[in-house]
Amino acid sequence: MLRHHTISPFIPVPIFRMYQQWGRGGNPPWHAHCAIRADFADQIGIIDRAARDLLPFDTPIPSVTKLLRIHDLHAVTCEMGDWYGKIRAHFGIDTRPPTLDRRLAEFCIGVPEDQFLRNGRQRWLIRRAMQGRLSDPVLHGTKRGAQASDWFSRLTRERKQIAEELKRLTGNPEVSSIVDLPRLIEVLDHWPDQEPEIFSGPQRLLMWIPQALGAAKFIENVTGANRIDPVAPMAVAQRYRA
C-alpha cells in the first residue's frame, strides 16, 4: 500500500509502464485476471478501449484522489445508462438505484481529501457523522468485508461440473475464439488444495472462472447456440415409447 499510494503516483508513466511489463514477464496487462484470448483482445483493441473508458492499463493511480474518485464512478456507470435503458425497453422495468443519483455522485467527488484520511485516521467523515449512531466496533473497525467470500469452497465443490462445462464449450467455435478455454482447463487441472492469497500473482484468475463462464453463456445466447431443438424432445419421447 505504501508503494502503491505514495511512490507510484509520482513515477513517470513510461517508466511505470516498463516496470509493469517487466514484472509480468512479457504477458499482456490483463493476463493475470482475465481469460480472454490474446488474439481476440488484439482484434478488438482492448488496450485502446480501456484507455478511452478512463481505465488505462499500466498507469499509476492519480496523485489527486478527486480524480481517482471520478475514474471509479465512471468505471461503474459508463455503460449503466444503456444497460438500464435496454431493460426498460425490453421488459418494461424502470430501474433507478438511489446510489446512482447525480447529486450523490457530485457530493462524493466534492468531499475534501482530508475527510477521508486525517491525522493518521481513515474514514474521518463517516466516523464523525455516525458518532453516537453506530456502535464502536462498527465505527472504529478496521476489518474489510469480502464479497462472495465462500468463492473457493463453492468452486472447489463444483470443480468437476465446471471442468465438464469447459470441455463442452471447446466445441463451440464462437466461444473458443473469444474465451481462452484451454487456459481455464489448465487452471482447474492444477487447482490448489487450500484457498490462495487471491490478489497475488496468477491465482487471481481462479476468481474469474465464473465471469468467463458467464461470458461464454452470453455468447451462446447471442449466437443461438443454447436454443433447444424442438425436434430433440420429441425424438426422446418416441424412443421411450418404443
C-alpha atoms as a PDB file:
ATOM      1  CA  MET A   1       0.000   0.000   0.000  1.00  0.00           C
ATOM      2  CA  LEU A   2       2.883   2.364   0.784  1.00  0.00           C
ATOM      3  CA  ARG A   3       4.424   1.739  -2.617  1.00  0.00           C
ATOM      4  CA  HIS A   4       1.061   1.870  -4.390  1.00  0.00           C
ATOM      5  CA  HIS A   5      -0.185   5.149  -2.911  1.00  0.00           C
ATOM      6  CA  THR A   6       2.918   7.174  -2.110  1.00  0.00           C
ATOM      7  CA  ILE A   7       5.541   6.196  -4.682  1.00  0.00           C
ATOM      8  CA  SER A   8       3.824   5.022  -7.872  1.00  0.00           C
ATOM      9  CA  PRO A   9       1.718   8.199  -8.441  1.00  0.00           C
ATOM     10  CA  PHE A  10       4.932  10.202  -8.941  1.00  0.00           C
ATOM     11  CA  ILE A  11       6.707   7.789 -11.288  1.00  0.00           C
ATOM     12  CA  PRO A  12       6.656   8.929 -14.952  1.00  0.00           C
ATOM     13  CA  VAL A  13       4.159   6.889 -16.952  1.00  0.00           C
ATOM     14  CA  PRO A  14       6.708   5.457 -19.473  1.00  0.00           C
ATOM     15  CA  ILE A  15       8.928   4.189 -16.640  1.00  0.00           C
ATOM     16  CA  PHE A  16       5.963   2.822 -14.708  1.00  0.00           C
ATOM     17  CA  ARG A  17       4.728   1.017 -17.835  1.00  0.00           C
ATOM     18  CA  MET A  18       8.139  -0.550 -18.447  1.00  0.00           C
ATOM     19  CA  TYR A  19       8.285  -1.730 -14.831  1.00  0.00           C
ATOM     20  CA  GLN A  20       4.815  -3.301 -15.075  1.00  0.00           C
ATOM     21  CA  GLN A  21       5.673  -5.067 -18.324  1.00  0.00           C
ATOM     22  CA  TRP A  22       8.895  -6.397 -16.827  1.00  0.00           C
ATOM     23  CA  GLY A  23       7.035  -7.715 -13.777  1.00  0.00           C
ATOM     24  CA  ARG A  24       4.565  -9.629 -15.991  1.00  0.00           C
ATOM     25  CA  GLY A  25       7.301 -11.362 -17.944  1.00  0.00           C
ATOM     26  CA  GLY A  26       6.011 -10.112 -21.286  1.00  0.00           C
ATOM     27  CA  ASN A  27       2.383 -11.103 -20.746  1.00  0.00           C
ATOM     28  CA  PRO A  28      -0.361  -8.592 -21.644  1.00  0.00           C
ATOM     29  CA  PRO A  29      -1.677  -6.363 -18.829  1.00  0.00           C
ATOM     30  CA  TRP A  30      -4.923  -8.289 -18.437  1.00  0.00           C
ATOM     31  CA  HIS A  31      -3.298 -11.729 -18.370  1.00  0.00           C
ATOM     32  CA  ALA A  32      -3.417 -12.261 -14.583  1.00  0.00           C
ATOM     33  CA  HIS A  33      -7.120 -11.641 -14.167  1.00  0.00           C
ATOM     34  CA  CYS A  34      -8.866 -12.286 -17.472  1.00  0.00           C
ATOM     35  CA  ALA A  35      -9.381 -15.356 -19.643  1.00  0.00           C
ATOM     36  CA  ILE A  36      -9.844 -13.551 -22.960  1.00  0.00           C
ATOM     37  CA  ARG A  37      -7.856 -14.937 -25.885  1.00  0.00           C
ATOM     38  CA  ALA A  38      -4.847 -12.806 -26.773  1.00  0.00           C
ATOM     39  CA  ASP A  39      -5.617 -12.702 -30.488  1.00  0.00           C
ATOM     40  CA  PHE A  40      -9.211 -11.644 -29.852  1.00  0.00           C
ATOM     41  CA  ALA A  41      -8.048  -8.982 -27.381  1.00  0.00           C
ATOM     42  CA  ASP A  42      -5.783  -7.560 -30.068  1.00  0.00           C
ATOM     43  CA  GLN A  43      -8.563  -7.757 -32.630  1.00  0.00           C
ATOM     44  CA  ILE A  44     -10.982  -5.656 -30.575  1.00  0.00           C
ATOM     45  CA  GLY A  45      -8.260  -3.282 -29.371  1.00  0.00           C
ATOM     46  CA  ILE A  46      -8.844  -3.927 -25.697  1.00  0.00           C
ATOM     47  CA  ILE A  47      -5.937  -1.750 -24.541  1.00  0.00           C
ATOM     48  CA  ASP A  48      -7.153   1.285 -26.506  1.00  0.00           C
ATOM     49  CA  ARG A  49     -10.734   0.721 -25.395  1.00  0.00           C
ATOM     50  CA  ALA A  50      -9.681   0.613 -21.745  1.00  0.00           C
ATOM     51  CA  ALA A  51      -7.839   3.902 -22.172  1.00  0.00           C
ATOM     52  CA  ARG A  52     -10.920   5.526 -23.731  1.00  0.00           C
ATOM     53  CA  ASP A  53     -13.006   4.372 -20.751  1.00  0.00           C
ATOM     54  CA  LEU A  54     -10.595   6.106 -18.328  1.00  0.00           C
ATOM     55  CA  LEU A  55      -9.224   2.724 -17.224  1.00  0.00           C
ATOM     56  CA  PRO A  56      -5.832   2.596 -18.958  1.00  0.00           C
ATOM     57  CA  PHE A  57      -3.532  -0.321 -18.307  1.00  0.00           C
ATOM     58  CA  ASP A  58      -0.056   0.113 -16.838  1.00  0.00           C
ATOM     59  CA  THR A  59      -0.542   3.609 -15.462  1.00  0.00           C
ATOM     60  CA  PRO A  60      -0.023   4.695 -11.860  1.00  0.00           C
ATOM     61  CA  ILE A  61      -3.002   5.782  -9.805  1.00  0.00           C
ATOM     62  CA  PRO A  62      -3.665   9.544  -9.875  1.00  0.00           C
ATOM     63  CA  SER A  63      -1.907  11.518  -7.146  1.00  0.00           C
ATOM     64  CA  VAL A  64      -5.110  13.577  -6.727  1.00  0.00           C
ATOM     65  CA  THR A  65      -7.745  11.427  -5.051  1.00  0.00           C
ATOM     66  CA  LYS A  66     -10.561  13.514  -6.524  1.00  0.00           C
ATOM     67  CA  LEU A  67      -9.525  12.369  -9.991  1.00  0.00           C
ATOM     68  CA  LEU A  68      -9.361   8.798  -8.706  1.00  0.00           C
ATOM     69  CA  ARG A  69     -12.954   9.084  -7.453  1.00  0.00           C
ATOM     70  CA  ILE A  70     -14.073  10.385 -10.843  1.00  0.00           C
ATOM     71  CA  HIS A  71     -12.397   7.433 -12.559  1.00  0.00           C
ATOM     72  CA  ASP A  72     -14.047   4.953 -10.172  1.00  0.00           C
ATOM     73  CA  LEU A  73     -17.505   6.434 -10.686  1.00  0.00           C
ATOM     74  CA  HIS A  74     -17.021   6.463 -14.445  1.00  0.00           C
ATOM     75  CA  ALA A  75     -15.910   2.839 -14.427  1.00  0.00           C
ATOM     76  CA  VAL A  76     -19.099   1.813 -12.612  1.00  0.00           C
ATOM     77  CA  THR A  77     -21.574   3.973 -14.503  1.00  0.00           C
ATOM     78  CA  CYS A  78     -20.122   4.441 -18.021  1.00  0.00           C
ATOM     79  CA  GLU A  79     -22.440   1.860 -19.623  1.00  0.00           C
ATOM     80  CA  MET A  80     -25.079   1.552 -16.928  1.00  0.00           C
ATOM     81  CA  GLY A  81     -27.455   4.028 -18.570  1.00  0.00           C
ATOM     82  CA  ASP A  82     -27.571   1.959 -21.757  1.00  0.00           C
ATOM     83  CA  TRP A  83     -27.992  -1.214 -19.714  1.00  0.00           C
ATOM     84  CA  TYR A  84     -30.944   0.126 -17.718  1.00  0.00           C
ATOM     85  CA  GLY A  85     -32.436   1.605 -20.888  1.00  0.00           C
ATOM     86  CA  LYS A  86     -32.355  -1.846 -22.510  1.00  0.00           C
ATOM     87  CA  ILE A  87     -34.081  -3.417 -19.501  1.00  0.00           C
ATOM     88  CA  ARG A  88     -36.777  -0.727 -19.575  1.00  0.00           C
ATOM     89  CA  ALA A  89     -37.349  -1.119 -23.324  1.00  0.00           C
ATOM     90  CA  HIS A  90     -37.299  -4.920 -23.357  1.00  0.00           C
ATOM     91  CA  PHE A  91     -39.009  -5.827 -20.083  1.00  0.00           C
ATOM     92  CA  GLY A  92     -40.814  -2.616 -19.108  1.00  0.00           C
ATOM     93  CA  ILE A  93     -38.900  -2.429 -15.810  1.00  0.00           C
ATOM     94  CA  ASP A  94     -37.683   1.021 -14.823  1.00  0.00           C
ATOM     95  CA  THR A  95     -34.636   0.537 -12.586  1.00  0.00           C
ATOM     96  CA  ARG A  96     -33.472   3.518 -10.542  1.00  0.00           C
ATOM     97  CA  PRO A  97     -30.774   2.758  -7.916  1.00  0.00           C
ATOM     98  CA  PRO A  98     -30.644   5.569  -5.318  1.00  0.00           C
ATOM     99  CA  THR A  99     -26.854   5.370  -5.194  1.00  0.00           C
ATOM    100  CA  LEU A 100     -26.688   6.498  -8.834  1.00  0.00           C
ATOM    101  CA  ASP A 101     -28.327   9.828  -8.065  1.00  0.00           C
ATOM    102  CA  ARG A 102     -26.255  12.530  -9.743  1.00  0.00           C
ATOM    103  CA  ARG A 103     -26.379  14.729  -6.654  1.00  0.00           C
ATOM    104  CA  LEU A 104     -24.859  11.945  -4.556  1.00  0.00           C
ATOM    105  CA  ALA A 105     -22.091  11.383  -7.124  1.00  0.00           C
ATOM    106  CA  GLU A 106     -21.279  15.101  -7.192  1.00  0.00           C
ATOM    107  CA  PHE A 107     -21.182  15.171  -3.398  1.00  0.00           C
ATOM    108  CA  CYS A 108     -18.778  12.211  -3.265  1.00  0.00           C
ATOM    109  CA  ILE A 109     -16.481  13.831  -5.820  1.00  0.00           C
ATOM    110  CA  GLY A 110     -16.542  17.150  -3.970  1.00  0.00           C
ATOM    111  CA  VAL A 111     -15.676  15.816  -0.496  1.00  0.00           C
ATOM    112  CA  PRO A 112     -12.281  17.284   0.555  1.00  0.00           C
ATOM    113  CA  GLU A 113      -9.435  14.800   0.695  1.00  0.00           C
ATOM    114  CA  ASP A 114      -8.773  15.349   4.400  1.00  0.00           C
ATOM    115  CA  GLN A 115     -12.225  13.936   5.166  1.00  0.00           C
ATOM    116  CA  PHE A 116     -11.033  10.518   4.040  1.00  0.00           C
ATOM    117  CA  LEU A 117      -7.659  10.492   5.796  1.00  0.00           C
ATOM    118  CA  ARG A 118      -6.705  12.915   8.535  1.00  0.00           C
ATOM    119  CA  ASN A 119      -4.231  12.752  11.414  1.00  0.00           C
ATOM    120  CA  GLY A 120      -3.472   9.150  10.532  1.00  0.00           C
ATOM    121  CA  ARG A 121      -7.118   8.089  10.734  1.00  0.00           C
ATOM    122  CA  GLN A 122      -9.171   6.808   7.834  1.00  0.00           C
ATOM    123  CA  ARG A 123     -12.908   7.359   7.206  1.00  0.00           C
ATOM    124  CA  TRP A 124     -12.755  10.703   9.006  1.00  0.00           C
ATOM    125  CA  LEU A 125     -16.089  11.992   7.682  1.00  0.00           C
ATOM    126  CA  ILE A 126     -18.234   8.921   8.291  1.00  0.00           C
ATOM    127  CA  ARG A 127     -16.790   8.385  11.761  1.00  0.00           C
ATOM    128  CA  ARG A 128     -17.718  11.896  12.842  1.00  0.00           C
ATOM    129  CA  ALA A 129     -21.119  11.795  11.126  1.00  0.00           C
ATOM    130  CA  MET A 130     -22.072   8.460  12.712  1.00  0.00           C
ATOM    131  CA  GLN A 131     -20.729   9.213  16.191  1.00  0.00           C
ATOM    132  CA  GLY A 132     -23.393   8.050  18.648  1.00  0.00           C
ATOM    133  CA  ARG A 133     -25.394   6.398  15.865  1.00  0.00           C
ATOM    134  CA  LEU A 134     -23.221   3.349  15.230  1.00  0.00           C
ATOM    135  CA  SER A 135     -21.609   1.045  17.760  1.00  0.00           C
ATOM    136  CA  ASP A 136     -17.890   1.468  18.420  1.00  0.00           C
ATOM    137  CA  PRO A 137     -16.905  -1.877  16.815  1.00  0.00           C
ATOM    138  CA  VAL A 138     -18.587  -0.756  13.595  1.00  0.00           C
ATOM    139  CA  LEU A 139     -17.495   2.857  13.779  1.00  0.00           C
ATOM    140  CA  HIS A 140     -13.848   2.198  14.564  1.00  0.00           C
ATOM    141  CA  GLY A 141     -13.392  -1.218  12.973  1.00  0.00           C
ATOM    142  CA  THR A 142     -10.547  -1.678  10.505  1.00  0.00           C
ATOM    143  CA  LYS A 143     -11.561  -5.024   9.006  1.00  0.00           C
ATOM    144  CA  ARG A 144     -12.808  -5.227   5.443  1.00  0.00           C
ATOM    145  CA  GLY A 145     -15.587  -7.438   4.195  1.00  0.00           C
ATOM    146  CA  ALA A 146     -15.311  -9.610   1.102  1.00  0.00           C
ATOM    147  CA  GLN A 147     -17.961 -10.185  -1.499  1.00  0.00           C
ATOM    148  CA  ALA A 148     -18.670 -13.876  -2.133  1.00  0.00           C
ATOM    149  CA  SER A 149     -16.096 -14.843   0.492  1.00  0.00           C
ATOM    150  CA  ASP A 150     -17.035 -18.520   0.082  1.00  0.00           C
ATOM    151  CA  TRP A 151     -15.950 -18.497  -3.549  1.00  0.00           C
ATOM    152  CA  PHE A 152     -13.153 -21.046  -3.086  1.00  0.00           C
ATOM    153  CA  SER A 153     -15.236 -23.681  -1.299  1.00  0.00           C
ATOM    154  CA  ARG A 154     -18.056 -23.289  -3.809  1.00  0.00           C
ATOM    155  CA  LEU A 155     -15.812 -23.580  -6.868  1.00  0.00           C
ATOM    156  CA  THR A 156     -13.941 -26.486  -5.291  1.00  0.00           C
ATOM    157  CA  ARG A 157     -17.231 -28.294  -4.714  1.00  0.00           C
ATOM    158  CA  GLU A 158     -18.346 -27.702  -8.321  1.00  0.00           C
ATOM    159  CA  ARG A 159     -14.924 -28.148  -9.904  1.00  0.00           C
ATOM    160  CA  LYS A 160     -15.834 -31.370 -11.745  1.00  0.00           C
ATOM    161  CA  GLN A 161     -19.007 -29.891 -13.244  1.00  0.00           C
ATOM    162  CA  ILE A 162     -17.139 -26.730 -14.253  1.00  0.00           C
ATOM    163  CA  ALA A 163     -14.447 -28.798 -15.972  1.00  0.00           C
ATOM    164  CA  GLU A 164     -17.093 -30.720 -17.909  1.00  0.00           C
ATOM    165  CA  GLU A 165     -18.760 -27.480 -18.957  1.00  0.00           C
ATOM    166  CA  LEU A 166     -15.479 -26.009 -20.151  1.00  0.00           C
ATOM    167  CA  LYS A 167     -14.744 -29.096 -22.226  1.00  0.00           C
ATOM    168  CA  ARG A 168     -18.219 -28.866 -23.745  1.00  0.00           C
ATOM    169  CA  LEU A 169     -17.639 -25.217 -24.635  1.00  0.00           C
ATOM    170  CA  THR A 170     -14.469 -26.095 -26.552  1.00  0.00           C
ATOM    171  CA  GLY A 171     -16.754 -27.498 -29.228  1.00  0.00           C
ATOM    172  CA  ASN A 172     -18.328 -24.080 -29.786  1.00  0.00           C
ATOM    173  CA  PRO A 173     -16.116 -22.040 -32.146  1.00  0.00           C
ATOM    174  CA  GLU A 174     -17.904 -18.809 -31.214  1.00  0.00           C
ATOM    175  CA  VAL A 175     -16.898 -19.256 -27.564  1.00  0.00           C
ATOM    176  CA  SER A 176     -13.464 -20.805 -28.070  1.00  0.00           C
ATOM    177  CA  SER A 177     -12.410 -17.960 -30.378  1.00  0.00           C
ATOM    178  CA  ILE A 178     -13.030 -15.420 -27.580  1.00  0.00           C
ATOM    179  CA  VAL A 179     -12.520 -17.198 -24.241  1.00  0.00           C
ATOM    180  CA  ASP A 180      -9.196 -18.900 -23.546  1.00  0.00           C
ATOM    181  CA  LEU A 181     -10.756 -22.231 -22.601  1.00  0.00           C
ATOM    182  CA  PRO A 182      -7.504 -24.288 -22.572  1.00  0.00           C
ATOM    183  CA  ARG A 183      -6.061 -21.895 -20.026  1.00  0.00           C
ATOM    184  CA  LEU A 184      -9.119 -22.221 -17.782  1.00  0.00           C
ATOM    185  CA  ILE A 185      -8.995 -26.013 -18.069  1.00  0.00           C
ATOM    186  CA  GLU A 186      -5.343 -25.900 -17.043  1.00  0.00           C
ATOM    187  CA  VAL A 187      -6.275 -23.797 -14.008  1.00  0.00           C
ATOM    188  CA  LEU A 188      -8.807 -26.435 -12.955  1.00  0.00           C
ATOM    189  CA  ASP A 189      -6.289 -29.231 -13.514  1.00  0.00           C
ATOM    190  CA  HIS A 190      -3.889 -27.506 -11.082  1.00  0.00           C
ATOM    191  CA  TRP A 191      -6.488 -26.462  -8.536  1.00  0.00           C
ATOM    192  CA  PRO A 192      -4.849 -25.644  -5.162  1.00  0.00           C
ATOM    193  CA  ASP A 193      -5.647 -27.645  -2.040  1.00  0.00           C
ATOM    194  CA  GLN A 194      -6.049 -24.520   0.072  1.00  0.00           C
ATOM    195  CA  GLU A 195      -7.532 -21.117  -0.637  1.00  0.00           C
ATOM    196  CA  PRO A 196      -4.747 -18.935  -2.042  1.00  0.00           C
ATOM    197  CA  GLU A 197      -3.968 -15.298  -1.390  1.00  0.00           C
ATOM    198  CA  ILE A 198      -6.248 -14.152  -4.176  1.00  0.00           C
ATOM    199  CA  PHE A 199      -4.554 -10.905  -5.125  1.00  0.00           C
ATOM    200  CA  SER A 200      -1.114 -12.409  -5.517  1.00  0.00           C
ATOM    201  CA  GLY A 201       0.128 -13.424  -8.933  1.00  0.00           C
ATOM    202  CA  PRO A 202      -1.790 -15.684 -11.325  1.00  0.00           C
ATOM    203  CA  GLN A 203      -4.027 -17.003  -8.541  1.00  0.00           C
ATOM    204  CA  ARG A 204      -6.350 -14.077  -9.276  1.00  0.00           C
ATOM    205  CA  LEU A 205      -7.539 -15.968 -12.330  1.00  0.00           C
ATOM    206  CA  LEU A 206      -9.264 -18.503 -10.084  1.00  0.00           C
ATOM    207  CA  MET A 207     -11.942 -15.982  -9.160  1.00  0.00           C
ATOM    208  CA  TRP A 208     -12.515 -15.042 -12.793  1.00  0.00           C
ATOM    209  CA  ILE A 209     -13.699 -18.526 -13.787  1.00  0.00           C
ATOM    210  CA  PRO A 210     -17.377 -17.654 -13.070  1.00  0.00           C
ATOM    211  CA  GLN A 211     -17.041 -14.465 -15.131  1.00  0.00           C
ATOM    212  CA  ALA A 212     -15.541 -16.423 -18.016  1.00  0.00           C
ATOM    213  CA  LEU A 213     -18.381 -18.942 -17.848  1.00  0.00           C
ATOM    214  CA  GLY A 214     -20.895 -16.092 -17.741  1.00  0.00           C
ATOM    215  CA  ALA A 215     -19.334 -14.579 -20.860  1.00  0.00           C
ATOM    216  CA  ALA A 216     -19.449 -17.965 -22.589  1.00  0.00           C
ATOM    217  CA  LYS A 217     -23.144 -18.369 -21.754  1.00  0.00           C
ATOM    218  CA  PHE A 218     -23.816 -14.871 -23.068  1.00  0.00           C
ATOM    219  CA  ILE A 219     -22.062 -15.697 -26.341  1.00  0.00           C
ATOM    220  CA  GLU A 220     -24.135 -18.858 -26.676  1.00  0.00           C
ATOM    221  CA  ASN A 221     -27.294 -16.879 -26.008  1.00  0.00           C
ATOM    222  CA  VAL A 222     -26.493 -14.216 -28.604  1.00  0.00           C
ATOM    223  CA  THR A 223     -25.479 -16.741 -31.265  1.00  0.00           C
ATOM    224  CA  GLY A 224     -28.421 -19.022 -30.511  1.00  0.00           C
ATOM    225  CA  ALA A 225     -26.226 -21.970 -29.590  1.00  0.00           C
ATOM    226  CA  ASN A 226     -28.146 -22.573 -26.348  1.00  0.00           C
ATOM    227  CA  ARG A 227     -31.538 -22.875 -28.022  1.00  0.00           C
ATOM    228  CA  ILE A 228     -33.324 -26.165 -27.547  1.00  0.00           C
ATOM    229  CA  ASP A 229     -34.022 -28.071 -30.708  1.00  0.00           C
ATOM    230  CA  PRO A 230     -37.821 -28.672 -30.686  1.00  0.00           C
ATOM    231  CA  VAL A 231     -37.313 -31.975 -32.521  1.00  0.00           C
ATOM    232  CA  ALA A 232     -34.969 -33.392 -29.857  1.00  0.00           C
ATOM    233  CA  PRO A 233     -37.552 -33.788 -27.036  1.00  0.00           C
ATOM    234  CA  MET A 234     -39.966 -35.489 -29.479  1.00  0.00           C
ATOM    235  CA  ALA A 235     -37.265 -37.929 -30.548  1.00  0.00           C
ATOM    236  CA  VAL A 236     -36.533 -38.810 -26.927  1.00  0.00           C
ATOM    237  CA  ALA A 237     -40.222 -39.316 -26.215  1.00  0.00           C
ATOM    238  CA  GLN A 238     -40.622 -41.626 -29.230  1.00  0.00           C
ATOM    239  CA  ARG A 239     -37.582 -43.609 -28.106  1.00  0.00           C
ATOM    240  CA  TYR A 240     -39.094 -44.154 -24.663  1.00  0.00           C
ATOM    241  CA  ARG A 241     -42.432 -45.205 -26.213  1.00  0.00           C
ATOM    242  CA  ALA A 242     -40.646 -47.783 -28.296  1.00  0.00           C
END
